[in-house]
Amino acid sequence: MIRPHFSSRRIYPSLLKPSAHLLRRATGRLRLPPAMCIYLGDSTTDMMAAQ
């Protein structure tokens, strides 16, 4: 009986991926320039956010 715990709406993974805003915020909190960081992803939205 696990089905009632999940939505029947379709979820689009590209909408769940981090945005560039979140990556900049993370590097700011780490006090590191983005050029010194590595971001690994598995989609084109990940690549766009990393740039």
PDB file of N, CA and C in Angstrom:
ATOM      1  N   MET A   1       0.808  -1.191   0.000  1.00  0.00           N
ATOM      2  CA  MET A   1       0.000   0.000   0.000  1.00  0.00           C
ATOM      3  C   MET A   1       0.858   1.265   0.000  1.00  0.00           C
ATOM      4  N   ILE A   2       1.802   1.337  -0.884  1.00  0.00           N
ATOM      5  CA  ILE A   2       2.680   2.507  -0.945  1.00  0.00           C
ATOM      6  C   ILE A   2       2.128   3.583  -1.886  1.00  0.00           C
ATOM      7  N   ARG A   3       1.310   3.200  -2.834  1.00  0.00           N
ATOM      8  CA  ARG A   3       0.798   4.123  -3.846  1.00  0.00           C
ATOM      9  C   ARG A   3       0.155   5.388  -3.265  1.00  0.00           C
ATOM     10  N   PRO A   4      -0.631   5.335  -2.212  1.00  0.00           N
ATOM     11  CA  PRO A   4      -1.253   6.559  -1.696  1.00  0.00           C
ATOM     12  C   PRO A   4      -0.255   7.626  -1.237  1.00  0.00           C
ATOM     13  N   HIS A   5       0.985   7.255  -1.041  1.00  0.00           N
ATOM     14  CA  HIS A   5       1.991   8.207  -0.573  1.00  0.00           C
ATOM     15  C   HIS A   5       2.657   8.988  -1.700  1.00  0.00           C
ATOM     16  N   PHE A   6       2.300   8.669  -2.943  1.00  0.00           N
ATOM     17  CA  PHE A   6       2.914   9.319  -4.094  1.00  0.00           C
ATOM     18  C   PHE A   6       1.860  10.017  -4.937  1.00  0.00           C
ATOM     19  N   SER A   7       2.251  11.130  -5.513  1.00  0.00           N
ATOM     20  CA  SER A   7       1.367  11.891  -6.382  1.00  0.00           C
ATOM     21  C   SER A   7       1.229  11.197  -7.727  1.00  0.00           C
ATOM     22  N   SER A   8       0.096  11.349  -8.346  1.00  0.00           N
ATOM     23  CA  SER A   8      -0.107  10.773  -9.673  1.00  0.00           C
ATOM     24  C   SER A   8       0.327  11.741 -10.765  1.00  0.00           C
ATOM     25  N   ARG A   9       0.731  12.956 -10.363  1.00  0.00           N
ATOM     26  CA  ARG A   9       1.196  13.926 -11.350  1.00  0.00           C
ATOM     27  C   ARG A   9       2.543  13.500 -11.903  1.00  0.00           C
ATOM     28  N   ARG A  10       2.795  13.908 -13.126  1.00  0.00           N
ATOM     29  CA  ARG A  10       4.072  13.592 -13.750  1.00  0.00           C
ATOM     30  C   ARG A  10       5.132  14.571 -13.252  1.00  0.00           C
ATOM     31  N   ILE A  11       6.290  14.047 -12.932  1.00  0.00           N
ATOM     32  CA  ILE A  11       7.397  14.881 -12.467  1.00  0.00           C
ATOM     33  C   ILE A  11       8.438  14.958 -13.572  1.00  0.00           C
ATOM     34  N   TYR A  12       8.868  16.164 -13.872  1.00  0.00           N
ATOM     35  CA  TYR A  12       9.868  16.381 -14.912  1.00  0.00           C
ATOM     36  C   TYR A  12      11.225  16.593 -14.248  1.00  0.00           C
ATOM     37  N   PRO A  13      12.162  15.675 -14.445  1.00  0.00           N
ATOM     38  CA  PRO A  13      13.483  15.795 -13.791  1.00  0.00           C
ATOM     39  C   PRO A  13      14.186  17.113 -14.061  1.00  0.00           C
ATOM     40  N   SER A  14      13.999  17.675 -15.250  1.00  0.00           N
ATOM     41  CA  SER A  14      14.692  18.928 -15.565  1.00  0.00           C
ATOM     42  C   SER A  14      14.243  20.069 -14.656  1.00  0.00           C
ATOM     43  N   LEU A  15      13.043  19.974 -14.090  1.00  0.00           N
ATOM     44  CA  LEU A  15      12.572  21.008 -13.179  1.00  0.00           C
ATOM     45  C   LEU A  15      13.125  20.825 -11.773  1.00  0.00           C
ATOM     46  N   LEU A  16      13.657  19.664 -11.498  1.00  0.00           N
ATOM     47  CA  LEU A  16      14.193  19.384 -10.173  1.00  0.00           C
ATOM     48  C   LEU A  16      15.688  19.668 -10.077  1.00  0.00           C
ATOM     49  N   LYS A  17      16.311  19.890 -11.192  1.00  0.00           N
ATOM     50  CA  LYS A  17      17.761  20.087 -11.208  1.00  0.00           C
ATOM     51  C   LYS A  17      18.114  21.440 -10.617  1.00  0.00           C
ATOM     52  N   PRO A  18      19.298  21.566 -10.048  1.00  0.00           N
ATOM     53  CA  PRO A  18      19.687  22.852  -9.469  1.00  0.00           C
ATOM     54  C   PRO A  18      19.901  23.916 -10.535  1.00  0.00           C
ATOM     55  N   SER A  19      19.629  25.121 -10.153  1.00  0.00           N
ATOM     56  CA  SER A  19      19.849  26.247 -11.057  1.00  0.00           C
ATOM     57  C   SER A  19      21.221  26.837 -10.778  1.00  0.00           C
ATOM     58  N   ALA A  20      21.656  27.684 -11.672  1.00  0.00           N
ATOM     59  CA  ALA A  20      22.947  28.346 -11.499  1.00  0.00           C
ATOM     60  C   ALA A  20      22.941  29.178 -10.216  1.00  0.00           C
ATOM     61  N   HIS A  21      21.796  29.720  -9.872  1.00  0.00           N
ATOM     62  CA  HIS A  21      21.661  30.515  -8.644  1.00  0.00           C
ATOM     63  C   HIS A  21      22.068  29.686  -7.418  1.00  0.00           C
ATOM     64  N   LEU A  22      21.605  28.459  -7.339  1.00  0.00           N
ATOM     65  CA  LEU A  22      21.938  27.617  -6.191  1.00  0.00           C
ATOM     66  C   LEU A  22      23.411  27.234  -6.171  1.00  0.00           C
ATOM     67  N   LEU A  23      23.988  27.034  -7.334  1.00  0.00           N
ATOM     68  CA  LEU A  23      25.415  26.697  -7.395  1.00  0.00           C
ATOM     69  C   LEU A  23      26.267  27.889  -6.954  1.00  0.00           C
ATOM     70  N   ARG A  24      25.885  29.088  -7.386  1.00  0.00           N
ATOM     71  CA  ARG A  24      26.616  30.290  -6.954  1.00  0.00           C
ATOM     72  C   ARG A  24      26.487  30.490  -5.445  1.00  0.00           C
ATOM     73  N   ARG A  25      25.310  30.222  -4.920  1.00  0.00           N
ATOM     74  CA  ARG A  25      25.099  30.355  -3.477  1.00  0.00           C
ATOM     75  C   ARG A  25      25.982  29.358  -2.711  1.00  0.00           C
ATOM     76  N   ALA A  26      26.064  28.138  -3.222  1.00  0.00           N
ATOM     77  CA  ALA A  26      26.887  27.121  -2.558  1.00  0.00           C
ATOM     78  C   ALA A  26      28.360  27.507  -2.578  1.00  0.00           C
ATOM     79  N   THR A  27      28.858  27.974  -3.719  1.00  0.00           N
ATOM     80  CA  THR A  27      30.267  28.358  -3.781  1.00  0.00           C
ATOM     81  C   THR A  27      30.534  29.571  -2.891  1.00  0.00           C
ATOM     82  N   GLY A  28      29.557  30.470  -2.768  1.00  0.00           N
ATOM     83  CA  GLY A  28      29.704  31.612  -1.884  1.00  0.00           C
ATOM     84  C   GLY A  28      29.804  31.188  -0.423  1.00  0.00           C
ATOM     85  N   ARG A  29      28.974  30.235  -0.044  1.00  0.00           N
ATOM     86  CA  ARG A  29      29.017  29.749   1.344  1.00  0.00           C
ATOM     87  C   ARG A  29      30.310  29.009   1.640  1.00  0.00           C
ATOM     88  N   LEU A  30      30.850  28.363   0.619  1.00  0.00           N
ATOM     89  CA  LEU A  30      32.126  27.665   0.789  1.00  0.00           C
ATOM     90  C   LEU A  30      33.310  28.623   0.687  1.00  0.00           C
ATOM     91  N   ARG A  31      33.016  29.859   0.296  1.00  0.00           N
ATOM     92  CA  ARG A  31      34.049  30.880   0.079  1.00  0.00           C
ATOM     93  C   ARG A  31      35.096  30.429  -0.934  1.00  0.00           C
ATOM     94  N   LEU A  32      34.580  29.846  -2.004  1.00  0.00           N
ATOM     95  CA  LEU A  32      35.431  29.387  -3.099  1.00  0.00           C
ATOM     96  C   LEU A  32      34.968  30.029  -4.394  1.00  0.00           C
ATOM     97  N   PRO A  33      35.899  30.428  -5.242  1.00  0.00           N
ATOM     98  CA  PRO A  33      35.481  30.924  -6.554  1.00  0.00           C
ATOM     99  C   PRO A  33      34.955  29.750  -7.385  1.00  0.00           C
ATOM    100  N   PRO A  34      33.930  29.968  -8.185  1.00  0.00           N
ATOM    101  CA  PRO A  34      33.376  28.883  -8.999  1.00  0.00           C
ATOM    102  C   PRO A  34      34.414  28.162  -9.859  1.00  0.00           C
ATOM    103  N   ALA A  35      35.438  28.886 -10.302  1.00  0.00           N
ATOM    104  CA  ALA A  35      36.474  28.267 -11.135  1.00  0.00           C
ATOM    105  C   ALA A  35      37.271  27.201 -10.386  1.00  0.00           C
ATOM    106  N   MET A  36      37.199  27.222  -9.069  1.00  0.00           N
ATOM    107  CA  MET A  36      37.930  26.239  -8.261  1.00  0.00           C
ATOM    108  C   MET A  36      37.062  25.040  -7.870  1.00  0.00           C
ATOM    109  N   CYS A  37      35.844  24.988  -8.389  1.00  0.00           N
ATOM    110  CA  CYS A  37      34.901  23.931  -8.022  1.00  0.00           C
ATOM    111  C   CYS A  37      34.606  23.028  -9.211  1.00  0.00           C
ATOM    112  N   ILE A  38      34.196  21.829  -8.898  1.00  0.00           N
ATOM    113  CA  ILE A  38      33.776  20.865  -9.917  1.00  0.00           C
ATOM    114  C   ILE A  38      32.339  20.477  -9.619  1.00  0.00           C
ATOM    115  N   TYR A  39      31.508  20.547 -10.645  1.00  0.00           N
ATOM    116  CA  TYR A  39      30.115  20.139 -10.510  1.00  0.00           C
ATOM    117  C   TYR A  39      29.876  18.972 -11.463  1.00  0.00           C
ATOM    118  N   LEU A  40      29.439  17.877 -10.942  1.00  0.00           N
ATOM    119  CA  LEU A  40      29.154  16.703 -11.762  1.00  0.00           C
ATOM    120  C   LEU A  40      27.656  16.578 -11.946  1.00  0.00           C
ATOM    121  N   GLY A  41      27.245  16.343 -13.169  1.00  0.00           N
ATOM    122  CA  GLY A  41      25.828  16.196 -13.455  1.00  0.00           C
ATOM    123  C   GLY A  41      25.587  15.138 -14.506  1.00  0.00           C
ATOM    124  N   ASP A  42      24.319  14.906 -14.787  1.00  0.00           N
ATOM    125  CA  ASP A  42      23.973  13.851 -15.735  1.00  0.00           C
ATOM    126  C   ASP A  42      23.004  14.313 -16.817  1.00  0.00           C
ATOM    127  N   SER A  43      22.853  15.625 -16.982  1.00  0.00           N
ATOM    128  CA  SER A  43      21.912  16.105 -18.002  1.00  0.00           C
ATOM    129  C   SER A  43      22.387  17.442 -18.563  1.00  0.00           C
ATOM    130  N   THR A  44      21.737  17.858 -19.633  1.00  0.00           N
ATOM    131  CA  THR A  44      22.091  19.149 -20.236  1.00  0.00           C
ATOM    132  C   THR A  44      21.740  20.301 -19.305  1.00  0.00           C
ATOM    133  N   THR A  45      20.690  20.171 -18.497  1.00  0.00           N
ATOM    134  CA  THR A  45      20.370  21.236 -17.551  1.00  0.00           C
ATOM    135  C   THR A  45      21.460  21.387 -16.503  1.00  0.00           C
ATOM    136  N   ASP A  46      22.100  20.278 -16.130  1.00  0.00           N
ATOM    137  CA  ASP A  46      23.240  20.343 -15.208  1.00  0.00           C
ATOM    138  C   ASP A  46      24.392  21.101 -15.843  1.00  0.00           C
ATOM    139  N   MET A  47      24.663  20.815 -17.101  1.00  0.00           N
ATOM    140  CA  MET A  47      25.766  21.494 -17.802  1.00  0.00           C
ATOM    141  C   MET A  47      25.483  22.994 -17.914  1.00  0.00           C
ATOM    142  N   MET A  48      24.233  23.352 -18.206  1.00  0.00           N
ATOM    143  CA  MET A  48      23.889  24.763 -18.332  1.00  0.00           C
ATOM    144  C   MET A  48      24.025  25.471 -16.990  1.00  0.00           C
ATOM    145  N   ALA A  49      23.622  24.833 -15.915  1.00  0.00           N
ATOM    146  CA  ALA A  49      23.737  25.444 -14.597  1.00  0.00           C
ATOM    147  C   ALA A  49      25.196  25.622 -14.201  1.00  0.00           C
ATOM    148  N   ALA A  50      26.035  24.668 -14.550  1.00  0.00           N
ATOM    149  CA  ALA A  50      27.452  24.725 -14.179  1.00  0.00           C
ATOM    150  C   ALA A  50      28.196  25.843 -14.906  1.00  0.00           C
ATOM    151  N   GLN A  51      27.746  26.237 -16.059  1.00  0.00           N
ATOM    152  CA  GLN A  51      28.425  27.292 -16.820  1.00  0.00           C
ATOM    153  C   GLN A  51      28.096  28.615 -16.198  1.00  0.00           C
TER     154      GLN A  51
END
